[in-house]
Amino acid sequence: MIINEIESLAPMVPIILHHHERYDGKGYPDGLKGEAIPIGARIVHVTDAYDTMVRACYRDMMTAGACGFRAPQDAGTQFDRKLLKLSSQS
């Protein structure tokens, strides 16, 4: 990974590497599950999924609200339930 060559970004490597892991262990690249996934990677996973959904809706001329981001129904499987609960409180 190119980022390994930049010493100041070394703490970001686990976040970047594991941001496609799923909370239920069905993600990649390592099939990490639950708390074994670095917290930064779990946060990026939620925000990346939201960003992808919003961009797809924008392309189809839909608002983010009309898109119906699926995070709540994927809590505990794809996403960390605690993170989603925190995000809904803000």
PDB file of N, CA and C in Angstrom:
ATOM      1  N   MET A   1       0.854  -1.170   0.000  1.00  0.00           N
ATOM      2  CA  MET A   1       0.000   0.000   0.000  1.00  0.00           C
ATOM      3  C   MET A   1       0.901   1.234   0.000  1.00  0.00           C
ATOM      4  N   ILE A   2       0.639   2.162  -0.864  1.00  0.00           N
ATOM      5  CA  ILE A   2       1.460   3.361  -1.012  1.00  0.00           C
ATOM      6  C   ILE A   2       1.537   4.158   0.289  1.00  0.00           C
ATOM      7  N   ILE A   3       0.458   4.209   1.015  1.00  0.00           N
ATOM      8  CA  ILE A   3       0.433   5.004   2.244  1.00  0.00           C
ATOM      9  C   ILE A   3       1.448   4.510   3.269  1.00  0.00           C
ATOM     10  N   ASN A   4       1.841   3.240   3.189  1.00  0.00           N
ATOM     11  CA  ASN A   4       2.864   2.708   4.095  1.00  0.00           C
ATOM     12  C   ASN A   4       4.179   3.458   3.972  1.00  0.00           C
ATOM     13  N   GLU A   5       4.405   4.076   2.834  1.00  0.00           N
ATOM     14  CA  GLU A   5       5.659   4.787   2.585  1.00  0.00           C
ATOM     15  C   GLU A   5       5.681   6.177   3.219  1.00  0.00           C
ATOM     16  N   ILE A   6       4.552   6.661   3.694  1.00  0.00           N
ATOM     17  CA  ILE A   6       4.462   8.005   4.278  1.00  0.00           C
ATOM     18  C   ILE A   6       4.356   7.849   5.797  1.00  0.00           C
ATOM     19  N   GLU A   7       5.452   8.052   6.452  1.00  0.00           N
ATOM     20  CA  GLU A   7       5.556   7.785   7.887  1.00  0.00           C
ATOM     21  C   GLU A   7       4.480   8.496   8.712  1.00  0.00           C
ATOM     22  N   SER A   8       4.185   9.732   8.393  1.00  0.00           N
ATOM     23  CA  SER A   8       3.207  10.490   9.185  1.00  0.00           C
ATOM     24  C   SER A   8       1.775   9.948   9.037  1.00  0.00           C
ATOM     25  N   LEU A   9       1.531   9.173   7.992  1.00  0.00           N
ATOM     26  CA  LEU A   9       0.190   8.609   7.787  1.00  0.00           C
ATOM     27  C   LEU A   9       0.067   7.172   8.296  1.00  0.00           C
ATOM     28  N   ALA A  10       1.109   6.656   8.901  1.00  0.00           N
ATOM     29  CA  ALA A  10       1.104   5.271   9.394  1.00  0.00           C
ATOM     30  C   ALA A  10      -0.108   4.939  10.270  1.00  0.00           C
ATOM     31  N   PRO A  11      -0.558   5.850  11.152  1.00  0.00           N
ATOM     32  CA  PRO A  11      -1.738   5.521  11.965  1.00  0.00           C
ATOM     33  C   PRO A  11      -3.028   5.330  11.144  1.00  0.00           C
ATOM     34  N   MET A  12      -3.042   5.823   9.925  1.00  0.00           N
ATOM     35  CA  MET A  12      -4.231   5.709   9.067  1.00  0.00           C
ATOM     36  C   MET A  12      -4.326   4.359   8.355  1.00  0.00           C
ATOM     37  N   VAL A  13      -3.222   3.631   8.293  1.00  0.00           N
ATOM     38  CA  VAL A  13      -3.188   2.374   7.533  1.00  0.00           C
ATOM     39  C   VAL A  13      -4.292   1.407   7.960  1.00  0.00           C
ATOM     40  N   PRO A  14      -4.492   1.118   9.258  1.00  0.00           N
ATOM     41  CA  PRO A  14      -5.551   0.177   9.627  1.00  0.00           C
ATOM     42  C   PRO A  14      -6.957   0.676   9.247  1.00  0.00           C
ATOM     43  N   ILE A  15      -7.163   1.973   9.296  1.00  0.00           N
ATOM     44  CA  ILE A  15      -8.466   2.542   8.939  1.00  0.00           C
ATOM     45  C   ILE A  15      -8.733   2.339   7.458  1.00  0.00           C
ATOM     46  N   ILE A  16      -7.756   2.684   6.652  1.00  0.00           N
ATOM     47  CA  ILE A  16      -7.904   2.539   5.198  1.00  0.00           C
ATOM     48  C   ILE A  16      -8.032   1.066   4.815  1.00  0.00           C
ATOM     49  N   LEU A  17      -7.193   0.245   5.386  1.00  0.00           N
ATOM     50  CA  LEU A  17      -7.180  -1.171   5.045  1.00  0.00           C
ATOM     51  C   LEU A  17      -8.491  -1.868   5.394  1.00  0.00           C
ATOM     52  N   HIS A  18      -9.105  -1.503   6.511  1.00  0.00           N
ATOM     53  CA  HIS A  18     -10.255  -2.255   7.017  1.00  0.00           C
ATOM     54  C   HIS A  18     -11.603  -1.544   6.888  1.00  0.00           C
ATOM     55  N   HIS A  19     -11.686  -0.477   6.106  1.00  0.00           N
ATOM     56  CA  HIS A  19     -12.963   0.244   6.058  1.00  0.00           C
ATOM     57  C   HIS A  19     -14.055  -0.473   5.267  1.00  0.00           C
ATOM     58  N   HIS A  20     -13.741  -1.647   4.692  1.00  0.00           N
ATOM     59  CA  HIS A  20     -14.773  -2.461   4.035  1.00  0.00           C
ATOM     60  C   HIS A  20     -15.118  -3.709   4.852  1.00  0.00           C
ATOM     61  N   GLU A  21     -14.629  -3.776   6.064  1.00  0.00           N
ATOM     62  CA  GLU A  21     -15.015  -4.877   6.949  1.00  0.00           C
ATOM     63  C   GLU A  21     -16.453  -4.633   7.404  1.00  0.00           C
ATOM     64  N   ARG A  22     -17.187  -5.702   7.612  1.00  0.00           N
ATOM     65  CA  ARG A  22     -18.568  -5.609   8.098  1.00  0.00           C
ATOM     66  C   ARG A  22     -18.603  -6.032   9.562  1.00  0.00           C
ATOM     67  N   TYR A  23     -19.493  -5.454  10.319  1.00  0.00           N
ATOM     68  CA  TYR A  23     -19.561  -5.738  11.748  1.00  0.00           C
ATOM     69  C   TYR A  23     -19.820  -7.221  12.016  1.00  0.00           C
ATOM     70  N   ASP A  24     -20.520  -7.897  11.099  1.00  0.00           N
ATOM     71  CA  ASP A  24     -20.830  -9.317  11.272  1.00  0.00           C
ATOM     72  C   ASP A  24     -19.701 -10.238  10.794  1.00  0.00           C
ATOM     73  N   GLY A  25     -18.600  -9.665  10.314  1.00  0.00           N
ATOM     74  CA  GLY A  25     -17.450 -10.458   9.904  1.00  0.00           C
ATOM     75  C   GLY A  25     -17.455 -10.884   8.445  1.00  0.00           C
ATOM     76  N   LYS A  26     -18.439 -10.421   7.676  1.00  0.00           N
ATOM     77  CA  LYS A  26     -18.555 -10.829   6.271  1.00  0.00           C
ATOM     78  C   LYS A  26     -17.926  -9.835   5.298  1.00  0.00           C
ATOM     79  N   GLY A  27     -17.094  -8.933   5.806  1.00  0.00           N
ATOM     80  CA  GLY A  27     -16.450  -7.943   4.949  1.00  0.00           C
ATOM     81  C   GLY A  27     -15.083  -8.402   4.477  1.00  0.00           C
ATOM     82  N   TYR A  28     -14.332  -7.462   3.985  1.00  0.00           N
ATOM     83  CA  TYR A  28     -12.988  -7.776   3.480  1.00  0.00           C
ATOM     84  C   TYR A  28     -12.056  -6.635   3.826  1.00  0.00           C
ATOM     85  N   PRO A  29     -10.765  -6.835   3.865  1.00  0.00           N
ATOM     86  CA  PRO A  29     -10.005  -7.939   3.302  1.00  0.00           C
ATOM     87  C   PRO A  29      -9.788  -9.109   4.265  1.00  0.00           C
ATOM     88  N   ASP A  30      -9.983  -8.911   5.565  1.00  0.00           N
ATOM     89  CA  ASP A  30      -9.601  -9.935   6.533  1.00  0.00           C
ATOM     90  C   ASP A  30     -10.769 -10.593   7.256  1.00  0.00           C
ATOM     91  N   GLY A  31     -11.994 -10.201   6.960  1.00  0.00           N
ATOM     92  CA  GLY A  31     -13.146 -10.790   7.637  1.00  0.00           C
ATOM     93  C   GLY A  31     -13.175 -10.485   9.124  1.00  0.00           C
ATOM     94  N   LEU A  32     -12.641  -9.316   9.508  1.00  0.00           N
ATOM     95  CA  LEU A  32     -12.675  -8.931  10.921  1.00  0.00           C
ATOM     96  C   LEU A  32     -14.125  -8.745  11.348  1.00  0.00           C
ATOM     97  N   LYS A  33     -14.378  -8.939  12.637  1.00  0.00           N
ATOM     98  CA  LYS A  33     -15.744  -8.880  13.147  1.00  0.00           C
ATOM     99  C   LYS A  33     -15.815  -7.998  14.390  1.00  0.00           C
ATOM    100  N   GLY A  34     -16.892  -7.241  14.507  1.00  0.00           N
ATOM    101  CA  GLY A  34     -17.173  -6.469  15.717  1.00  0.00           C
ATOM    102  C   GLY A  34     -16.051  -5.533  16.115  1.00  0.00           C
ATOM    103  N   GLU A  35     -15.712  -5.608  17.401  1.00  0.00           N
ATOM    104  CA  GLU A  35     -14.709  -4.709  17.974  1.00  0.00           C
ATOM    105  C   GLU A  35     -13.303  -4.960  17.440  1.00  0.00           C
ATOM    106  N   ALA A  36     -13.092  -6.052  16.726  1.00  0.00           N
ATOM    107  CA  ALA A  36     -11.779  -6.310  16.125  1.00  0.00           C
ATOM    108  C   ALA A  36     -11.496  -5.353  14.970  1.00  0.00           C
ATOM    109  N   ILE A  37     -12.550  -4.752  14.432  1.00  0.00           N
ATOM    110  CA  ILE A  37     -12.399  -3.761  13.365  1.00  0.00           C
ATOM    111  C   ILE A  37     -12.010  -2.439  14.029  1.00  0.00           C
ATOM    112  N   PRO A  38     -10.945  -1.790  13.591  1.00  0.00           N
ATOM    113  CA  PRO A  38     -10.565  -0.505  14.200  1.00  0.00           C
ATOM    114  C   PRO A  38     -11.729   0.491  14.156  1.00  0.00           C
ATOM    115  N   ILE A  39     -11.917   1.228  15.238  1.00  0.00           N
ATOM    116  CA  ILE A  39     -13.036   2.172  15.342  1.00  0.00           C
ATOM    117  C   ILE A  39     -13.035   3.161  14.176  1.00  0.00           C
ATOM    118  N   GLY A  40     -11.884   3.642  13.774  1.00  0.00           N
ATOM    119  CA  GLY A  40     -11.815   4.573  12.645  1.00  0.00           C
ATOM    120  C   GLY A  40     -12.337   3.944  11.368  1.00  0.00           C
ATOM    121  N   ALA A  41     -12.035   2.675  11.163  1.00  0.00           N
ATOM    122  CA  ALA A  41     -12.514   1.969   9.975  1.00  0.00           C
ATOM    123  C   ALA A  41     -14.029   1.799  10.027  1.00  0.00           C
ATOM    124  N   ARG A  42     -14.578   1.537  11.217  1.00  0.00           N
ATOM    125  CA  ARG A  42     -16.039   1.409  11.352  1.00  0.00           C
ATOM    126  C   ARG A  42     -16.730   2.726  11.049  1.00  0.00           C
ATOM    127  N   ILE A  43     -16.129   3.826  11.479  1.00  0.00           N
ATOM    128  CA  ILE A  43     -16.702   5.152  11.211  1.00  0.00           C
ATOM    129  C   ILE A  43     -16.642   5.456   9.715  1.00  0.00           C
ATOM    130  N   VAL A  44     -15.501   5.216   9.093  1.00  0.00           N
ATOM    131  CA  VAL A  44     -15.355   5.470   7.657  1.00  0.00           C
ATOM    132  C   VAL A  44     -16.314   4.594   6.862  1.00  0.00           C
ATOM    133  N   HIS A  45     -16.539   3.367   7.298  1.00  0.00           N
ATOM    134  CA  HIS A  45     -17.456   2.460   6.601  1.00  0.00           C
ATOM    135  C   HIS A  45     -18.865   3.053   6.538  1.00  0.00           C
ATOM    136  N   VAL A  46     -19.357   3.572   7.647  1.00  0.00           N
ATOM    137  CA  VAL A  46     -20.692   4.183   7.675  1.00  0.00           C
ATOM    138  C   VAL A  46     -20.730   5.421   6.791  1.00  0.00           C
ATOM    139  N   THR A  47     -19.743   6.292   6.923  1.00  0.00           N
ATOM    140  CA  THR A  47     -19.763   7.533   6.145  1.00  0.00           C
ATOM    141  C   THR A  47     -19.579   7.269   4.659  1.00  0.00           C
ATOM    142  N   ASP A  48     -18.761   6.290   4.311  1.00  0.00           N
ATOM    143  CA  ASP A  48     -18.560   5.937   2.907  1.00  0.00           C
ATOM    144  C   ASP A  48     -19.855   5.387   2.307  1.00  0.00           C
ATOM    145  N   ALA A  49     -20.559   4.533   3.046  1.00  0.00           N
ATOM    146  CA  ALA A  49     -21.827   3.978   2.556  1.00  0.00           C
ATOM    147  C   ALA A  49     -22.860   5.087   2.375  1.00  0.00           C
ATOM    148  N   TYR A  50     -22.924   6.004   3.326  1.00  0.00           N
ATOM    149  CA  TYR A  50     -23.861   7.121   3.222  1.00  0.00           C
ATOM    150  C   TYR A  50     -23.533   7.994   2.011  1.00  0.00           C
ATOM    151  N   ASP A  51     -22.260   8.307   1.836  1.00  0.00           N
ATOM    152  CA  ASP A  51     -21.841   9.138   0.712  1.00  0.00           C
ATOM    153  C   ASP A  51     -22.191   8.474  -0.620  1.00  0.00           C
ATOM    154  N   THR A  52     -21.966   7.185  -0.714  1.00  0.00           N
ATOM    155  CA  THR A  52     -22.296   6.450  -1.945  1.00  0.00           C
ATOM    156  C   THR A  52     -23.791   6.502  -2.219  1.00  0.00           C
ATOM    157  N   MET A  53     -24.592   6.308  -1.188  1.00  0.00           N
ATOM    158  CA  MET A  53     -26.056   6.337  -1.341  1.00  0.00           C
ATOM    159  C   MET A  53     -26.522   7.724  -1.784  1.00  0.00           C
ATOM    160  N   VAL A  54     -26.008   8.751  -1.154  1.00  0.00           N
ATOM    161  CA  VAL A  54     -26.437  10.110  -1.483  1.00  0.00           C
ATOM    162  C   VAL A  54     -26.047  10.474  -2.916  1.00  0.00           C
ATOM    163  N   ARG A  55     -24.834  10.085  -3.317  1.00  0.00           N
ATOM    164  CA  ARG A  55     -24.416  10.383  -4.696  1.00  0.00           C
ATOM    165  C   ARG A  55     -25.272   9.644  -5.717  1.00  0.00           C
ATOM    166  N   ALA A  56     -25.641   8.402  -5.424  1.00  0.00           N
ATOM    167  CA  ALA A  56     -26.506   7.646  -6.334  1.00  0.00           C
ATOM    168  C   ALA A  56     -27.880   8.300  -6.420  1.00  0.00           C
ATOM    169  N   CYS A  57     -28.383   8.766  -5.298  1.00  0.00           N
ATOM    170  CA  CYS A  57     -29.692   9.430  -5.288  1.00  0.00           C
ATOM    171  C   CYS A  57     -29.631  10.764  -6.026  1.00  0.00           C
ATOM    172  N   TYR A  58     -28.540  11.471  -5.837  1.00  0.00           N
ATOM    173  CA  TYR A  58     -28.379  12.753  -6.522  1.00  0.00           C
ATOM    174  C   TYR A  58     -28.382  12.540  -8.032  1.00  0.00           C
ATOM    175  N   ARG A  59     -27.700  11.490  -8.444  1.00  0.00           N
ATOM    176  CA  ARG A  59     -27.650  11.168  -9.869  1.00  0.00           C
ATOM    177  C   ARG A  59     -29.067  10.885 -10.401  1.00  0.00           C
ATOM    178  N   ASP A  60     -29.903  10.270  -9.558  1.00  0.00           N
ATOM    179  CA  ASP A  60     -31.284   9.966  -9.941  1.00  0.00           C
ATOM    180  C   ASP A  60     -32.237  11.099  -9.564  1.00  0.00           C
ATOM    181  N   MET A  61     -31.655  12.254  -9.166  1.00  0.00           N
ATOM    182  CA  MET A  61     -32.421  13.455  -8.817  1.00  0.00           C
ATOM    183  C   MET A  61     -33.340  13.238  -7.617  1.00  0.00           C
ATOM    184  N   MET A  62     -32.876  12.482  -6.637  1.00  0.00           N
ATOM    185  CA  MET A  62     -33.620  12.256  -5.402  1.00  0.00           C
ATOM    186  C   MET A  62     -32.891  12.945  -4.255  1.00  0.00           C
ATOM    187  N   THR A  63     -33.623  13.350  -3.243  1.00  0.00           N
ATOM    188  CA  THR A  63     -32.992  13.936  -2.059  1.00  0.00           C
ATOM    189  C   THR A  63     -32.434  12.809  -1.198  1.00  0.00           C
ATOM    190  N   ALA A  64     -31.534  13.166  -0.285  1.00  0.00           N
ATOM    191  CA  ALA A  64     -30.969  12.168   0.626  1.00  0.00           C
ATOM    192  C   ALA A  64     -32.071  11.518   1.453  1.00  0.00           C
ATOM    193  N   GLY A  65     -33.046  12.302   1.872  1.00  0.00           N
ATOM    194  CA  GLY A  65     -34.169  11.764   2.643  1.00  0.00           C
ATOM    195  C   GLY A  65     -34.996  10.768   1.848  1.00  0.00           C
ATOM    196  N   ALA A  66     -35.198  11.047   0.580  1.00  0.00           N
ATOM    197  CA  ALA A  66     -35.983  10.146  -0.271  1.00  0.00           C
ATOM    198  C   ALA A  66     -35.236   8.860  -0.566  1.00  0.00           C
ATOM    199  N   CYS A  67     -33.937   8.907  -0.431  1.00  0.00           N
ATOM    200  CA  CYS A  67     -33.106   7.723  -0.680  1.00  0.00           C
ATOM    201  C   CYS A  67     -33.370   6.621   0.320  1.00  0.00           C
ATOM    202  N   GLY A  68     -33.618   6.996   1.542  1.00  0.00           N
ATOM    203  CA  GLY A  68     -33.834   6.003   2.583  1.00  0.00           C
ATOM    204  C   GLY A  68     -32.574   5.247   2.946  1.00  0.00           C
ATOM    205  N   PHE A  69     -31.558   5.954   3.400  1.00  0.00           N
ATOM    206  CA  PHE A  69     -30.305   5.309   3.805  1.00  0.00           C
ATOM    207  C   PHE A  69     -30.631   4.128   4.712  1.00  0.00           C
ATOM    208  N   ARG A  70     -30.093   2.963   4.406  1.00  0.00           N
ATOM    209  CA  ARG A  70     -30.462   1.716   5.054  1.00  0.00           C
ATOM    210  C   ARG A  70     -29.686   1.415   6.331  1.00  0.00           C
ATOM    211  N   ALA A  71     -28.901   2.324   6.824  1.00  0.00           N
ATOM    212  CA  ALA A  71     -28.039   2.025   7.973  1.00  0.00           C
ATOM    213  C   ALA A  71     -28.798   1.435   9.160  1.00  0.00           C
ATOM    214  N   PRO A  72     -29.948   1.989   9.564  1.00  0.00           N
ATOM    215  CA  PRO A  72     -30.614   1.404  10.740  1.00  0.00           C
ATOM    216  C   PRO A  72     -30.961  -0.076  10.575  1.00  0.00           C
ATOM    217  N   GLN A  73     -31.401  -0.491   9.410  1.00  0.00           N
ATOM    218  CA  GLN A  73     -31.745  -1.906   9.245  1.00  0.00           C
ATOM    219  C   GLN A  73     -30.508  -2.783   9.115  1.00  0.00           C
ATOM    220  N   ASP A  74     -29.364  -2.180   8.842  1.00  0.00           N
ATOM    221  CA  ASP A  74     -28.118  -2.933   8.745  1.00  0.00           C
ATOM    222  C   ASP A  74     -27.285  -2.846  10.027  1.00  0.00           C
ATOM    223  N   ALA A  75     -27.861  -2.261  11.079  1.00  0.00           N
ATOM    224  CA  ALA A  75     -27.154  -2.160  12.354  1.00  0.00           C
ATOM    225  C   ALA A  75     -26.902  -3.556  12.908  1.00  0.00           C
ATOM    226  N   GLY A  76     -25.660  -3.810  13.289  1.00  0.00           N
ATOM    227  CA  GLY A  76     -25.295  -5.090  13.853  1.00  0.00           C
ATOM    228  C   GLY A  76     -24.857  -6.108  12.813  1.00  0.00           C
ATOM    229  N   THR A  77     -25.150  -5.851  11.540  1.00  0.00           N
ATOM    230  CA  THR A  77     -24.676  -6.749  10.488  1.00  0.00           C
ATOM    231  C   THR A  77     -23.586  -6.044   9.693  1.00  0.00           C
ATOM    232  N   GLN A  78     -23.974  -5.042   8.917  1.00  0.00           N
ATOM    233  CA  GLN A  78     -22.975  -4.304   8.138  1.00  0.00           C
ATOM    234  C   GLN A  78     -22.291  -3.241   8.993  1.00  0.00           C
ATOM    235  N   PHE A  79     -23.050  -2.585   9.842  1.00  0.00           N
ATOM    236  CA  PHE A  79     -22.539  -1.439  10.607  1.00  0.00           C
ATOM    237  C   PHE A  79     -22.568  -1.707  12.116  1.00  0.00           C
ATOM    238  N   ASP A  80     -21.701  -0.987  12.823  1.00  0.00           N
ATOM    239  CA  ASP A  80     -21.652  -1.028  14.285  1.00  0.00           C
ATOM    240  C   ASP A  80     -22.895  -0.325  14.834  1.00  0.00           C
ATOM    241  N   ARG A  81     -23.730  -1.066  15.546  1.00  0.00           N
ATOM    242  CA  ARG A  81     -24.988  -0.539  16.101  1.00  0.00           C
ATOM    243  C   ARG A  81     -24.751   0.684  16.990  1.00  0.00           C
ATOM    244  N   LYS A  82     -23.674   0.657  17.792  1.00  0.00           N
ATOM    245  CA  LYS A  82     -23.389   1.778  18.696  1.00  0.00           C
ATOM    246  C   LYS A  82     -23.085   3.060  17.923  1.00  0.00           C
ATOM    247  N   LEU A  83     -22.364   2.943  16.823  1.00  0.00           N
ATOM    248  CA  LEU A  83     -22.046   4.131  16.023  1.00  0.00           C
ATOM    249  C   LEU A  83     -23.307   4.721  15.404  1.00  0.00           C
ATOM    250  N   LEU A  84     -24.195   3.868  14.920  1.00  0.00           N
ATOM    251  CA  LEU A  84     -25.433   4.368  14.330  1.00  0.00           C
ATOM    252  C   LEU A  84     -26.309   5.042  15.376  1.00  0.00           C
ATOM    253  N   LYS A  85     -26.316   4.477  16.571  1.00  0.00           N
ATOM    254  CA  LYS A  85     -27.097   5.077  17.657  1.00  0.00           C
ATOM    255  C   LYS A  85     -26.549   6.459  17.991  1.00  0.00           C
ATOM    256  N   LEU A  86     -25.214   6.589  18.046  1.00  0.00           N
ATOM    257  CA  LEU A  86     -24.599   7.891  18.312  1.00  0.00           C
ATOM    258  C   LEU A  86     -24.930   8.892  17.221  1.00  0.00           C
ATOM    259  N   SER A  87     -24.882   8.455  15.966  1.00  0.00           N
ATOM    260  CA  SER A  87     -25.132   9.375  14.853  1.00  0.00           C
ATOM    261  C   SER A  87     -26.579   9.832  14.822  1.00  0.00           C
ATOM    262  N   SER A  88     -27.505   9.031  15.302  1.00  0.00           N
ATOM    263  CA  SER A  88     -28.921   9.435  15.286  1.00  0.00           C
ATOM    264  C   SER A  88     -29.235  10.402  16.409  1.00  0.00           C
ATOM    265  N   GLN A  89     -28.356  10.498  17.403  1.00  0.00           N
ATOM    266  CA  GLN A  89     -28.576  11.403  18.532  1.00  0.00           C
ATOM    267  C   GLN A  89     -28.131  12.828  18.229  1.00  0.00           C
ATOM    268  N   SER A  90     -27.399  13.021  17.133  1.00  0.00           N
ATOM    269  CA  SER A  90     -26.884  14.365  16.839  1.00  0.00           C
ATOM    270  C   SER A  90     -27.796  15.127  15.926  1.00  0.00           C
TER     271      SER A  90
END
